């Protein structure tokens, strides 16, 4: 399932990012380390799923046919999804989840801040709502980086392992393909390549404050925007899409 409208394609990518990460966070529901954090993670998941709905809804509006947000979310196969790979990785332990969330949150705040200036009024409006959520998410995840990094020997070890495992997935957040370059040139999309220096400075400062080592930059993985995914996305979608595929056209 695809769309020829470039803005619609862009909106679908952003929705895919939000849906997949939101689903990963929702897997913590009833499994959080304590009640308050269980509720917090569930609420962050809902923020992302709500963001996905707004982007999918706009994509459906631009597609010019009878597709809905549900069609984009539930009726596409793995290779049709354009989310960044870091979002689809298994949730792992709590340190892994919070490390990923922090790395993504720093990027998200800068991204949504810039998207508010988009020449596309709807994308700008969605970003205006999302940036408020992203700032809250970042405050939480940065706090957990400091708490885990400066906590016990075990929490520090787990956090360092998580950062090491995630580091090679972060360069993809700043890659630009032809679609994004074209839309950025029109003032519609964010030029994510410009966000990397500030992201790198902030992340390194937080890692230093948490007594963490900066990982070696000796590997990186990309391809999510082109539909080249890890095996984990297929497992995620088999869960996420089961009801709609088992009962086509199901409505609540």
Protein backbone atom coordinates (compact mmCIF):
# COMPACT_ATOMS: atom_id res chain seq x y z
CA UNK A 1 0.00 0.00 0.00
CA UNK A 2 1.56 3.25 -1.14
CA UNK A 3 0.63 6.82 -1.98
CA UNK A 4 1.94 9.04 -4.76
CA UNK A 5 1.60 12.25 -2.78
CA UNK A 6 5.07 13.14 -1.38
CA UNK A 7 3.66 14.85 1.72
CA UNK A 8 1.45 11.85 2.38
CA UNK A 9 4.50 9.56 2.09
CA UNK A 10 6.33 11.76 4.57
CA UNK A 11 3.41 11.76 7.00
CA UNK A 12 3.22 7.97 6.83
CA UNK A 13 6.91 7.68 7.75
CA UNK A 14 6.42 9.87 10.79
CA UNK A 15 3.33 7.91 11.74
CA UNK A 16 5.22 4.62 11.39
CA UNK A 17 7.92 5.89 13.75
CA UNK A 18 5.31 6.85 16.34
CA UNK A 19 3.19 3.70 16.01
CA UNK A 20 6.05 1.24 16.27
CA UNK A 21 7.74 2.94 19.22
CA UNK A 22 4.36 3.42 20.88
CA UNK A 23 3.68 -0.29 20.55
CA UNK A 24 7.06 -1.17 22.05
CA UNK A 25 6.38 1.09 25.03
CA UNK A 26 2.89 -0.37 25.45
CA UNK A 27 4.52 -3.76 26.05
CA UNK A 28 5.54 -2.43 29.48
CA UNK A 29 1.92 -2.09 30.57
CA UNK A 30 1.58 -4.15 33.79
CA UNK A 31 5.33 -4.96 33.61
CA UNK A 32 6.86 -1.70 34.87
CA UNK A 33 9.38 -1.82 37.72
CA UNK A 34 6.87 -0.08 40.00
CA UNK A 35 3.33 1.28 39.69
CA UNK A 36 4.14 4.93 38.98
CA UNK A 37 6.57 4.00 36.20
CA UNK A 38 4.13 1.45 34.80
CA UNK A 39 1.56 4.24 34.41
CA UNK A 40 4.14 6.68 33.04
CA UNK A 41 5.35 4.30 30.32
CA UNK A 42 1.77 3.52 29.35
CA UNK A 43 0.99 7.22 29.05
CA UNK A 44 4.05 7.86 26.90
CA UNK A 45 2.94 4.97 24.69
CA UNK A 46 -0.46 6.61 24.32
CA UNK A 47 1.20 9.89 23.35
CA UNK A 48 3.01 8.13 20.52
CA UNK A 49 -0.06 6.24 19.33
CA UNK A 50 -2.05 9.47 19.35
CA UNK A 51 0.71 11.10 17.30
CA UNK A 52 0.60 8.19 14.86
CA UNK A 53 -3.15 8.63 14.42
CA UNK A 54 -2.74 12.30 13.54
CA UNK A 55 -0.07 11.61 10.93
CA UNK A 56 -1.91 8.60 9.46
CA UNK A 57 -5.15 10.56 9.37
CA UNK A 58 -3.47 13.36 7.43
CA UNK A 59 -1.84 10.86 5.07
CA UNK A 60 -5.23 9.28 4.42
CA UNK A 61 -6.74 12.70 3.72
CA UNK A 62 -4.00 13.47 1.19
CA UNK A 63 -4.20 10.07 -0.50
CA UNK A 64 -7.44 11.04 -2.22
CA UNK A 65 -9.11 7.64 -1.85
CA UNK A 66 -11.13 5.86 0.81
CA UNK A 67 -8.21 4.72 2.97
CA UNK A 68 -8.27 5.44 6.68
CA UNK A 69 -5.65 5.54 9.40
CA UNK A 70 -6.50 1.89 10.15
CA UNK A 71 -5.56 0.85 6.61
CA UNK A 72 -2.08 2.33 7.02
CA UNK A 73 -1.58 0.83 10.47
CA UNK A 74 -3.08 -2.63 10.04
CA UNK A 75 -3.08 -3.59 6.37
CA UNK A 76 0.52 -3.09 5.29
CA UNK A 77 3.33 -5.63 5.31
CA UNK A 78 6.79 -5.16 6.82
CA UNK A 79 8.43 -3.86 3.66
CA UNK A 80 5.78 -1.13 3.38
CA UNK A 81 6.72 0.39 6.74
CA UNK A 82 9.22 3.25 6.76
CA UNK A 83 10.03 3.58 10.46
CA UNK A 84 13.57 3.99 11.71
CA UNK A 85 15.09 0.71 12.87
CA UNK A 86 15.79 1.87 16.41
CA UNK A 87 12.04 1.99 17.09
CA UNK A 88 11.35 -1.65 16.27
CA UNK A 89 14.03 -3.28 18.41
CA UNK A 90 12.61 -5.47 21.23
CA UNK A 91 11.88 -3.57 24.43
CA UNK A 92 14.66 -5.34 26.34
CA UNK A 93 15.10 -4.60 30.02
CA UNK A 94 14.20 -1.30 31.66
CA UNK A 95 17.67 0.17 31.07
CA UNK A 96 17.44 -0.62 27.35
CA UNK A 97 14.00 0.97 27.07
CA UNK A 98 15.08 4.15 28.84
CA UNK A 99 18.35 4.43 26.91
CA UNK A 100 16.50 4.11 23.61
CA UNK A 101 13.87 6.56 24.79
CA UNK A 102 16.49 9.12 25.75
CA UNK A 103 18.34 8.88 22.43
CA UNK A 104 15.05 9.20 20.54
CA UNK A 105 13.68 11.96 22.79
CA UNK A 106 16.64 14.28 22.21
CA UNK A 107 16.09 13.86 18.48
CA UNK A 108 12.31 14.20 18.75
CA UNK A 109 12.40 17.52 20.62
CA UNK A 110 14.65 19.07 17.98
CA UNK A 111 12.70 17.49 15.12
CA UNK A 112 9.25 18.59 16.30
CA UNK A 113 10.55 22.06 17.14
CA UNK A 114 11.72 22.45 13.54
CA UNK A 115 8.59 20.85 12.05
CA UNK A 116 6.49 23.55 13.70
CA UNK A 117 7.90 25.88 11.02
CA UNK A 118 6.79 23.62 8.15
CA UNK A 119 5.06 25.34 5.25
CA UNK A 120 2.46 22.59 5.52
CA UNK A 121 0.00 23.90 8.10
CA UNK A 122 -1.23 20.48 9.21
CA UNK A 123 2.24 19.05 9.80
CA UNK A 124 3.14 22.22 11.71
CA UNK A 125 0.03 21.90 13.88
CA UNK A 126 0.73 18.24 14.70
CA UNK A 127 4.30 19.18 15.61
CA UNK A 128 3.03 21.94 17.87
CA UNK A 129 1.19 19.37 19.95
CA UNK A 130 3.90 16.72 19.76
CA UNK A 131 6.74 18.99 20.87
CA UNK A 132 5.07 19.56 24.24
CA UNK A 133 4.85 15.82 24.78
CA UNK A 134 8.42 15.31 23.59
CA UNK A 135 9.78 17.82 26.07
CA UNK A 136 8.05 15.93 28.88
CA UNK A 137 9.36 12.61 27.56
CA UNK A 138 12.90 13.98 27.45
CA UNK A 139 12.78 15.22 31.04
CA UNK A 140 11.78 11.72 32.15
CA UNK A 141 14.28 9.78 30.08
CA UNK A 142 17.20 12.10 30.91
CA UNK A 143 16.40 11.72 34.60
CA UNK A 144 16.43 7.93 34.26
CA UNK A 145 19.76 8.01 32.43
CA UNK A 146 21.28 9.86 35.39
CA UNK A 147 19.58 7.63 37.97
CA UNK A 148 20.59 4.37 36.31
CA UNK A 149 24.09 5.53 35.39
CA UNK A 150 24.73 6.84 38.88
CA UNK A 151 22.91 4.05 40.70
CA UNK A 152 24.15 0.58 41.49
CA UNK A 153 26.90 -1.32 39.73
CA UNK A 154 24.19 -3.46 38.13
CA UNK A 155 22.13 -0.54 36.85
CA UNK A 156 25.25 1.12 35.45
CA UNK A 157 26.34 -2.08 33.70
CA UNK A 158 22.92 -2.61 32.14
CA UNK A 159 22.68 0.99 30.96
CA UNK A 160 26.15 0.91 29.41
CA UNK A 161 25.30 -2.32 27.61
CA UNK A 162 22.09 -0.76 26.29
CA UNK A 163 23.84 2.35 24.98
CA UNK A 164 26.48 0.20 23.29
CA UNK A 165 23.79 -1.91 21.62
CA UNK A 166 21.82 1.13 20.42
CA UNK A 167 24.61 3.44 19.30
CA UNK A 168 24.96 2.07 15.78
CA UNK A 169 21.25 2.62 15.12
CA UNK A 170 21.39 6.36 15.86
CA UNK A 171 23.07 7.65 12.65
CA UNK A 172 19.97 6.63 10.69
CA UNK A 173 18.00 9.33 12.49
CA UNK A 174 19.98 11.95 10.56
CA UNK A 175 19.97 10.42 7.08
CA UNK A 176 18.14 12.18 4.25
CA UNK A 177 16.84 10.40 1.14
CA UNK A 178 15.54 12.06 -2.02
CA UNK A 179 11.98 12.40 -0.71
CA UNK A 180 13.08 14.23 2.41
CA UNK A 181 15.63 16.36 0.58
CA UNK A 182 12.95 17.47 -1.88
CA UNK A 183 10.38 18.27 0.82
CA UNK A 184 12.97 20.00 2.99
CA UNK A 185 13.88 22.18 0.02
CA UNK A 186 10.23 23.24 -0.16
CA UNK A 187 10.13 24.00 3.56
CA UNK A 188 7.76 21.09 4.24
CA UNK A 189 10.08 18.56 5.89
CA UNK A 190 12.81 18.85 8.50
CA UNK A 191 16.41 18.69 7.34
CA UNK A 192 17.44 16.12 9.93
CA UNK A 193 21.09 16.24 8.87
CA UNK A 194 21.30 19.66 10.56
CA UNK A 195 20.11 18.22 13.87
CA UNK A 196 23.01 15.83 14.42
CA UNK A 197 25.67 18.18 15.89
CA UNK A 198 23.38 19.48 18.65
CA UNK A 199 22.07 15.96 19.33
CA UNK A 200 25.60 14.63 19.62
CA UNK A 201 26.64 17.41 22.02
CA UNK A 202 23.64 16.95 24.31
CA UNK A 203 23.80 13.15 24.36
CA UNK A 204 27.52 13.08 25.10
CA UNK A 205 27.05 15.55 27.95
CA UNK A 206 24.33 13.40 29.51
CA UNK A 207 26.38 10.22 29.13
CA UNK A 208 29.32 11.93 30.82
CA UNK A 209 27.09 13.13 33.67
CA UNK A 210 25.81 9.55 34.07
CA UNK A 211 29.39 8.22 34.21
CA UNK A 212 28.88 6.34 30.95
CA UNK A 213 31.48 5.63 28.28
CA UNK A 214 30.89 6.94 24.76
CA UNK A 215 30.58 3.91 22.45
CA UNK A 216 32.98 3.41 19.57
CA UNK A 217 31.55 4.51 16.22
CA UNK A 218 32.68 1.36 14.45
CA UNK A 219 29.32 0.14 13.12
CA UNK A 220 25.98 1.47 11.99
CA UNK A 221 22.77 0.09 10.50
CA UNK A 222 20.15 1.77 8.34
CA UNK A 223 17.47 0.97 5.78
CA UNK A 224 14.24 1.44 7.69
CA UNK A 225 13.05 4.31 5.51
CA UNK A 226 13.47 2.03 2.47
CA UNK A 227 11.53 -0.84 4.04
CA UNK A 228 14.58 -2.91 5.03
CA UNK A 229 13.85 -4.02 8.56
CA UNK A 230 15.03 -6.33 11.30
CA UNK A 231 13.23 -9.60 11.93
CA UNK A 232 11.66 -8.01 14.99
CA UNK A 233 9.27 -5.81 13.02
CA UNK A 234 7.54 -8.85 11.56
CA UNK A 235 6.99 -10.30 15.03
CA UNK A 236 5.67 -6.94 16.25
CA UNK A 237 3.23 -6.59 13.34
CA UNK A 238 1.93 -10.14 13.76
CA UNK A 239 0.76 -9.03 17.20
CA UNK A 240 -0.30 -5.48 16.32
CA UNK A 241 -2.26 -6.42 13.18
CA UNK A 242 -3.79 -9.72 14.26
CA UNK A 243 -7.36 -8.58 14.90
CA UNK A 244 -7.78 -6.65 11.64
CA UNK A 245 -6.28 -9.46 9.59
CA UNK A 246 -8.29 -12.16 11.35
CA UNK A 247 -11.52 -10.16 11.10
CA UNK A 248 -11.24 -7.87 8.03
CA UNK A 249 -13.23 -4.67 8.34
CA UNK A 250 -13.71 -5.09 12.07
CA UNK A 251 -15.12 -1.97 13.76
CA UNK A 252 -15.45 -1.36 17.49
